[in-house]
């Protein structure tokens, strides 16, 4: 994975298109929600960053060892793009593809995924396999559906093993053991729907480092909620409950109106008339070009100056108002 790709947030927008990173698809929905809203993640702890770096360093070593053992590996760092809607995709870069791997005689081509594990993590894998690592399951599912591959050659590089000849452990994961495309689409659209409504999704305790730990229930203050269902809360904050109820109703009306406006606009454009007149309005259809900053091109120029686009973004304190539905 190149540095520019590694530095991308979990969810980002480029030229009006929304991209979810495959490697982050298994994040807690609240983390995806925060990233989709443009919130900045916390810094990666040093121990976690070292694990990330070790994984990147181990990948070429593992692939070289596979080739030395007779494996054919192609398409290293090939881009994977899985369309979700017309303006949403899941994107990533694969470690490679294994061609007619000796351990996979029934699959002419398999997704190659290399992970660096400590011995303790390897033990967890041997006990639970992919079900113990849902973060990886989402990632591999997106890759296989995007590239039309039916199997994964999952390679574990045990960096605690002193004998180089015993460091690699190979596992076959058929596509049937992964999430189907409908499940991927449902996951992403649930995040998009939450963002539209500004409703914080249900918390899924992460089995992996979360870049937004403050959104998880166990990390949230327990005494910061004013209870407006009891007299003490109503007396302390008069009219607040009424205002909140009106706010939630207005959000629902706004969402319904936005959806209806989009549908009606599409119907009008389908008639392909340049203009139309009623007794009260004139509707005109005009062509124009929207303009936006090409962040990728700018980053490529700035990289020569050892700078990034994000270096020029100003951040200011703000408050986000969300609505959580009580089940």
Protein backbone atom coordinates (compact mmCIF):
# COMPACT_ATOMS: atom_id res chain seq x y z
CA UNK A 1 0.00 0.00 0.00
CA UNK A 2 1.46 3.39 -0.99
CA UNK A 3 1.72 6.19 1.56
CA UNK A 4 -1.00 8.31 -0.08
CA UNK A 5 -3.48 5.46 0.20
CA UNK A 6 -2.44 4.65 3.76
CA UNK A 7 -3.04 8.27 4.79
CA UNK A 8 -6.61 8.29 3.47
CA UNK A 9 -9.36 8.50 6.11
CA UNK A 10 -11.77 5.60 6.54
CA UNK A 11 -14.35 7.41 4.44
CA UNK A 12 -13.53 10.26 2.07
CA UNK A 13 -15.09 12.22 -0.78
CA UNK A 14 -13.34 12.92 -4.08
CA UNK A 15 -15.01 14.81 -6.94
CA UNK A 16 -18.41 14.28 -5.37
CA UNK A 17 -17.95 10.51 -5.05
CA UNK A 18 -17.96 8.86 -1.61
CA UNK A 19 -15.30 6.21 -0.99
CA UNK A 20 -15.31 3.76 1.92
CA UNK A 21 -11.94 2.08 2.44
CA UNK A 22 -12.24 -1.71 2.38
CA UNK A 23 -9.76 -2.01 5.24
CA UNK A 24 -12.05 0.13 7.41
CA UNK A 25 -15.36 -1.45 6.40
CA UNK A 26 -15.32 -3.59 9.55
CA UNK A 27 -14.96 -0.59 11.84
CA UNK A 28 -17.72 0.04 14.34
CA UNK A 29 -20.65 1.78 12.56
CA UNK A 30 -20.10 4.76 14.85
CA UNK A 31 -16.52 5.10 13.61
CA UNK A 32 -17.70 4.95 9.99
CA UNK A 33 -20.40 7.49 10.82
CA UNK A 34 -17.85 9.85 12.35
CA UNK A 35 -15.49 9.49 9.39
CA UNK A 36 -18.36 10.08 6.95
CA UNK A 37 -19.16 13.29 8.86
CA UNK A 38 -15.56 14.43 8.47
CA UNK A 39 -14.60 14.07 12.12
CA UNK A 40 -10.90 13.70 12.79
CA UNK A 41 -9.73 10.37 14.30
CA UNK A 42 -7.55 10.16 17.38
CA UNK A 43 -3.85 9.50 16.95
CA UNK A 44 -2.91 5.86 16.55
CA UNK A 45 -1.19 4.57 19.73
CA UNK A 46 2.49 3.81 19.25
CA UNK A 47 2.08 0.08 19.95
CA UNK A 48 -0.71 -0.19 17.35
CA UNK A 49 1.30 1.81 14.81
CA UNK A 50 4.24 -0.55 15.27
CA UNK A 51 1.92 -3.48 14.56
CA UNK A 52 0.68 -1.73 11.39
CA UNK A 53 4.26 -1.05 10.29
CA UNK A 54 5.27 -4.64 11.01
CA UNK A 55 2.44 -5.86 8.79
CA UNK A 56 3.53 -3.64 5.91
CA UNK A 57 7.15 -4.76 6.29
CA UNK A 58 6.21 -8.45 6.45
CA UNK A 59 4.11 -8.46 3.27
CA UNK A 60 6.92 -8.44 0.66
CA UNK A 61 8.90 -10.96 2.73
CA UNK A 62 5.94 -13.35 2.80
CA UNK A 63 5.27 -12.95 -0.93
CA UNK A 64 8.94 -13.57 -1.74
CA UNK A 65 8.84 -16.75 0.35
CA UNK A 66 5.67 -17.90 -1.44
CA UNK A 67 7.37 -17.43 -4.79
CA UNK A 68 10.42 -19.31 -3.57
CA UNK A 69 8.07 -22.18 -2.71
CA UNK A 70 6.62 -22.29 -6.24
CA UNK A 71 3.67 -19.92 -5.97
CA UNK A 72 2.87 -17.48 -8.77
CA UNK A 73 1.75 -14.09 -7.44
CA UNK A 74 0.38 -11.36 -9.73
CA UNK A 75 -1.45 -8.04 -9.45
CA UNK A 76 0.31 -6.84 -6.31
CA UNK A 77 -1.34 -3.64 -5.01
CA UNK A 78 -4.04 -3.83 -7.67
CA UNK A 79 -6.85 -1.38 -6.97
CA UNK A 80 -10.17 -2.89 -5.93
CA UNK A 81 -13.37 -0.88 -6.48
CA UNK A 82 -16.79 -2.21 -5.49
CA UNK A 83 -19.66 0.08 -6.65
CA UNK A 84 -22.45 0.43 -4.10
CA UNK A 85 -24.51 3.18 -5.74
CA UNK A 86 -23.85 5.65 -8.55
CA UNK A 87 -21.83 7.84 -6.18
CA UNK A 88 -20.62 5.45 -3.46
CA UNK A 89 -17.89 2.80 -3.73
CA UNK A 90 -15.70 0.62 -1.53
CA UNK A 91 -12.07 1.01 -2.55
CA UNK A 92 -8.80 -0.62 -1.56
CA UNK A 93 -5.60 -2.24 -2.79
CA UNK A 94 -5.03 -5.97 -2.58
CA UNK A 95 -1.80 -7.72 -1.61
CA UNK A 96 -2.03 -9.72 -4.82
CA UNK A 97 -3.54 -12.76 -6.52
CA UNK A 98 -2.28 -16.33 -6.39
CA UNK A 99 -2.35 -18.19 -9.70
CA UNK A 100 -3.19 -21.90 -9.42
CA UNK A 101 -1.80 -22.10 -5.92
CA UNK A 102 -0.77 -25.69 -5.07
CA UNK A 103 -2.93 -25.61 -1.94
CA UNK A 104 -5.98 -24.43 -3.94
CA UNK A 105 -6.25 -26.86 -6.87
CA UNK A 106 -9.93 -26.02 -7.48
CA UNK A 107 -9.33 -22.28 -7.90
CA UNK A 108 -7.32 -20.99 -10.89
CA UNK A 109 -7.07 -17.55 -9.27
CA UNK A 110 -7.39 -16.58 -5.61
CA UNK A 111 -7.19 -13.37 -3.63
CA UNK A 112 -3.91 -13.24 -1.73
CA UNK A 113 -4.08 -11.65 1.71
CA UNK A 114 -1.04 -11.47 3.99
CA UNK A 115 -1.36 -10.66 7.70
CA UNK A 116 1.45 -10.44 10.27
CA UNK A 117 0.46 -12.07 13.57
CA UNK A 118 2.14 -12.60 16.89
CA UNK A 119 1.98 -16.16 18.20
CA UNK A 120 -0.87 -15.24 20.57
CA UNK A 121 -2.93 -13.81 17.70
CA UNK A 122 -2.20 -16.91 15.64
CA UNK A 123 -3.59 -19.03 18.49
CA UNK A 124 -6.79 -16.97 18.40
CA UNK A 125 -7.02 -17.51 14.66
CA UNK A 126 -6.54 -21.26 14.97
CA UNK A 127 -9.41 -21.35 17.48
CA UNK A 128 -11.92 -19.03 15.86
CA UNK A 129 -10.72 -18.63 12.24
CA UNK A 130 -12.36 -15.76 10.36
CA UNK A 131 -15.30 -15.46 12.77
CA UNK A 132 -12.87 -14.20 15.39
CA UNK A 133 -11.68 -11.44 13.03
CA UNK A 134 -14.80 -9.76 11.56
CA UNK A 135 -12.70 -6.73 10.62
CA UNK A 136 -10.80 -8.88 8.12
CA UNK A 137 -13.96 -10.65 6.98
CA UNK A 138 -15.51 -7.38 5.78
CA UNK A 139 -12.30 -6.37 4.02
CA UNK A 140 -11.87 -9.70 2.18
CA UNK A 141 -15.55 -9.76 1.25
CA UNK A 142 -15.29 -6.36 -0.46
CA UNK A 143 -12.18 -7.45 -2.39
CA UNK A 144 -13.65 -10.74 -3.62
CA UNK A 145 -16.93 -9.19 -4.78
CA UNK A 146 -15.13 -6.30 -6.49
CA UNK A 147 -12.70 -8.55 -8.37
CA UNK A 148 -14.94 -11.54 -8.98
CA UNK A 149 -12.75 -13.97 -7.04
CA UNK A 150 -14.15 -17.13 -5.47
CA UNK A 151 -11.51 -17.88 -2.85
CA UNK A 152 -8.94 -16.29 -0.56
CA UNK A 153 -5.45 -17.60 0.11
CA UNK A 154 -5.01 -16.21 3.63
CA UNK A 155 -1.34 -16.15 4.59
CA UNK A 156 -0.28 -15.55 8.19
CA UNK A 157 3.28 -14.37 8.79
CA UNK A 158 4.18 -15.33 12.37
CA UNK A 159 6.81 -12.75 13.30
CA UNK A 160 7.48 -14.52 16.62
CA UNK A 161 8.67 -17.69 14.85
CA UNK A 162 12.51 -17.81 14.83
CA UNK A 163 12.67 -20.42 12.04
CA UNK A 164 12.04 -18.62 8.69
CA UNK A 165 10.86 -21.86 7.07
CA UNK A 166 8.01 -22.12 9.60
CA UNK A 167 6.83 -18.51 9.63
CA UNK A 168 4.09 -18.85 6.99
CA UNK A 169 0.74 -20.49 7.71
CA UNK A 170 -1.63 -20.87 4.75
CA UNK A 171 -5.43 -21.07 4.93
CA UNK A 172 -8.15 -21.43 2.31
CA UNK A 173 -11.26 -19.23 2.69
CA UNK A 174 -13.98 -19.92 0.08
CA UNK A 175 -16.17 -16.96 -0.88
CA UNK A 176 -19.16 -18.73 0.73
CA UNK A 177 -17.62 -18.02 4.15
CA UNK A 178 -17.55 -14.28 3.49
CA UNK A 179 -20.27 -11.63 3.59
CA UNK A 180 -22.39 -11.43 0.47
CA UNK A 181 -22.65 -8.25 -1.57
CA UNK A 182 -26.11 -7.48 -0.21
CA UNK A 183 -24.73 -7.43 3.33
CA UNK A 184 -21.97 -5.01 2.26
CA UNK A 185 -24.48 -2.71 0.56
CA UNK A 186 -26.79 -2.81 3.60
CA UNK A 187 -23.92 -1.91 5.95
CA UNK A 188 -22.88 1.13 3.94
CA UNK A 189 -26.40 2.37 3.24
CA UNK A 190 -27.18 2.13 6.96
CA UNK A 191 -24.28 4.52 7.60
CA UNK A 192 -25.44 6.86 4.84
CA UNK A 193 -28.95 6.82 6.28
CA UNK A 194 -27.61 7.58 9.77
CA UNK A 195 -25.61 10.51 8.40
CA UNK A 196 -28.66 11.88 6.58
CA UNK A 197 -30.72 11.70 9.77
CA UNK A 198 -27.77 12.67 11.98
CA UNK A 199 -28.58 9.72 14.22
CA UNK A 200 -25.67 7.95 15.87
CA UNK A 201 -25.72 4.24 14.83
CA UNK A 202 -25.75 1.33 17.26
CA UNK A 203 -22.38 0.77 18.90
CA UNK A 204 -20.49 -2.40 17.97
CA UNK A 205 -17.62 -2.95 20.43
CA UNK A 206 -14.56 -3.15 18.16
CA UNK A 207 -12.28 -6.18 18.06
CA UNK A 208 -9.65 -3.92 16.52
CA UNK A 209 -8.24 -0.48 17.24
CA UNK A 210 -10.99 2.14 16.87
CA UNK A 211 -9.96 5.64 15.68
CA UNK A 212 -13.01 7.12 17.45
CA UNK A 213 -12.96 5.46 20.90
CA UNK A 214 -14.93 8.26 22.54
CA UNK A 215 -18.04 7.17 20.63
CA UNK A 216 -18.23 3.78 22.34
CA UNK A 217 -20.64 3.37 25.22
CA UNK A 218 -18.02 2.24 27.74
CA UNK A 219 -16.02 5.43 27.09
CA UNK A 220 -18.91 7.87 27.25
CA UNK A 221 -19.76 9.80 30.42
CA UNK A 222 -22.58 8.16 32.35
CA UNK A 223 -23.89 11.26 34.11
CA UNK A 224 -24.21 13.75 31.23
CA UNK A 225 -27.77 12.89 30.14
CA UNK A 226 -30.51 15.15 31.38
CA UNK A 227 -33.60 12.99 31.96
CA UNK A 228 -36.60 14.90 30.61
CA UNK A 229 -38.98 12.06 31.44
CA UNK A 230 -38.98 12.98 35.12
CA UNK A 231 -40.13 16.12 36.94
CA UNK A 232 -36.63 17.16 38.05
CA UNK A 233 -35.39 17.34 34.46
CA UNK A 234 -38.50 19.14 33.20
CA UNK A 235 -38.29 21.73 35.96
CA UNK A 236 -34.57 22.33 35.46
CA UNK A 237 -34.88 22.77 31.68
CA UNK A 238 -38.36 24.10 30.89
CA UNK A 239 -39.51 23.76 27.25
CA UNK A 240 -36.44 21.71 26.25
CA UNK A 241 -38.45 18.51 25.75
CA UNK A 242 -40.92 20.31 23.48
CA UNK A 243 -38.10 21.83 21.44
CA UNK A 244 -36.39 18.45 21.05
CA UNK A 245 -39.63 16.80 19.90
CA UNK A 246 -40.15 19.56 17.33
CA UNK A 247 -36.54 19.26 16.16
CA UNK A 248 -36.87 15.50 15.58
CA UNK A 249 -40.16 16.00 13.69
CA UNK A 250 -38.55 18.68 11.53
CA UNK A 251 -35.64 16.36 10.71
CA UNK A 252 -38.08 13.71 9.52
CA UNK A 253 -40.01 16.23 7.40
CA UNK A 254 -36.74 17.55 5.95
CA UNK A 255 -35.62 14.03 5.02
CA UNK A 256 -38.99 13.23 3.43
CA UNK A 257 -39.00 16.51 1.51
CA UNK A 258 -35.43 15.96 0.31
CA UNK A 259 -36.27 12.47 -0.97
CA UNK A 260 -39.44 13.71 -2.70
CA UNK A 261 -37.58 16.65 -4.27
CA UNK A 262 -34.98 14.29 -5.72
CA UNK A 263 -37.65 12.02 -7.21
CA UNK A 264 -39.69 14.88 -8.69
CA UNK A 265 -36.58 16.50 -10.15
CA UNK A 266 -35.69 13.25 -11.91
CA UNK A 267 -39.22 13.01 -13.33
CA UNK A 268 -39.04 16.58 -14.68
CA UNK A 269 -35.65 15.98 -16.30
CA UNK A 270 -36.96 12.77 -17.90
CA UNK A 271 -39.27 14.86 -20.13
CA UNK A 272 -36.15 16.44 -21.69
CA UNK A 273 -37.77 19.83 -22.29
CA UNK A 274 -35.54 22.94 -22.03
CA UNK A 275 -38.27 24.93 -20.29
CA UNK A 276 -41.90 24.60 -19.17
CA UNK A 277 -44.46 27.17 -18.05
CA UNK A 278 -47.41 26.89 -15.69
CA UNK A 279 -49.71 29.68 -14.51
CA UNK A 280 -47.35 30.33 -11.57
CA UNK A 281 -43.87 29.13 -12.49
CA UNK A 282 -41.38 28.70 -15.28
CA UNK A 283 -39.04 25.74 -14.99
CA UNK A 284 -35.81 25.90 -16.99
CA UNK A 285 -33.22 23.18 -17.54
CA UNK A 286 -29.72 24.45 -18.22
CA UNK A 287 -26.45 22.59 -18.62
CA UNK A 288 -23.47 23.62 -16.56
CA UNK A 289 -20.17 22.25 -15.30
CA UNK A 290 -19.62 21.92 -11.58
CA UNK A 291 -16.13 22.58 -10.36
CA UNK A 292 -14.25 21.08 -7.46
CA UNK A 293 -10.69 20.82 -6.28
CA UNK A 294 -8.84 17.75 -7.58
CA UNK A 295 -7.40 16.67 -4.24
CA UNK A 296 -5.47 13.71 -5.68
CA UNK A 297 -3.74 15.84 -8.32
CA UNK A 298 -2.97 18.53 -5.77
CA UNK A 299 -1.54 15.95 -3.38
CA UNK A 300 0.75 14.64 -6.15
CA UNK A 301 2.11 18.14 -6.69
CA UNK A 302 2.43 18.93 -2.99
CA UNK A 303 4.22 15.64 -2.33
CA UNK A 304 7.23 17.05 -4.19
CA UNK A 305 7.29 19.79 -1.57
CA UNK A 306 6.94 17.28 1.27
CA UNK A 307 3.44 18.61 1.93
CA UNK A 308 -0.13 17.34 1.77
CA UNK A 309 -3.51 18.90 1.01
CA UNK A 310 -4.55 18.32 4.62
CA UNK A 311 -1.71 20.62 5.74
CA UNK A 312 -3.76 23.55 4.40
CA UNK A 313 -7.04 22.68 6.10
CA UNK A 314 -8.01 24.80 9.10
CA UNK A 315 -9.87 23.11 11.91
CA UNK A 316 -12.08 24.94 14.36
CA UNK A 317 -14.04 23.74 17.39
CA UNK A 318 -17.65 22.83 16.59
CA UNK A 319 -20.60 21.03 18.10
CA UNK A 320 -22.47 18.16 16.46
CA UNK A 321 -26.09 17.53 17.37
CA UNK A 322 -27.20 13.93 16.90
CA UNK A 323 -30.41 12.05 17.61
CA UNK A 324 -30.31 8.57 19.11
CA UNK A 325 -33.48 6.51 19.03
CA UNK A 326 -34.17 4.78 22.34
CA UNK A 327 -35.14 1.16 21.71
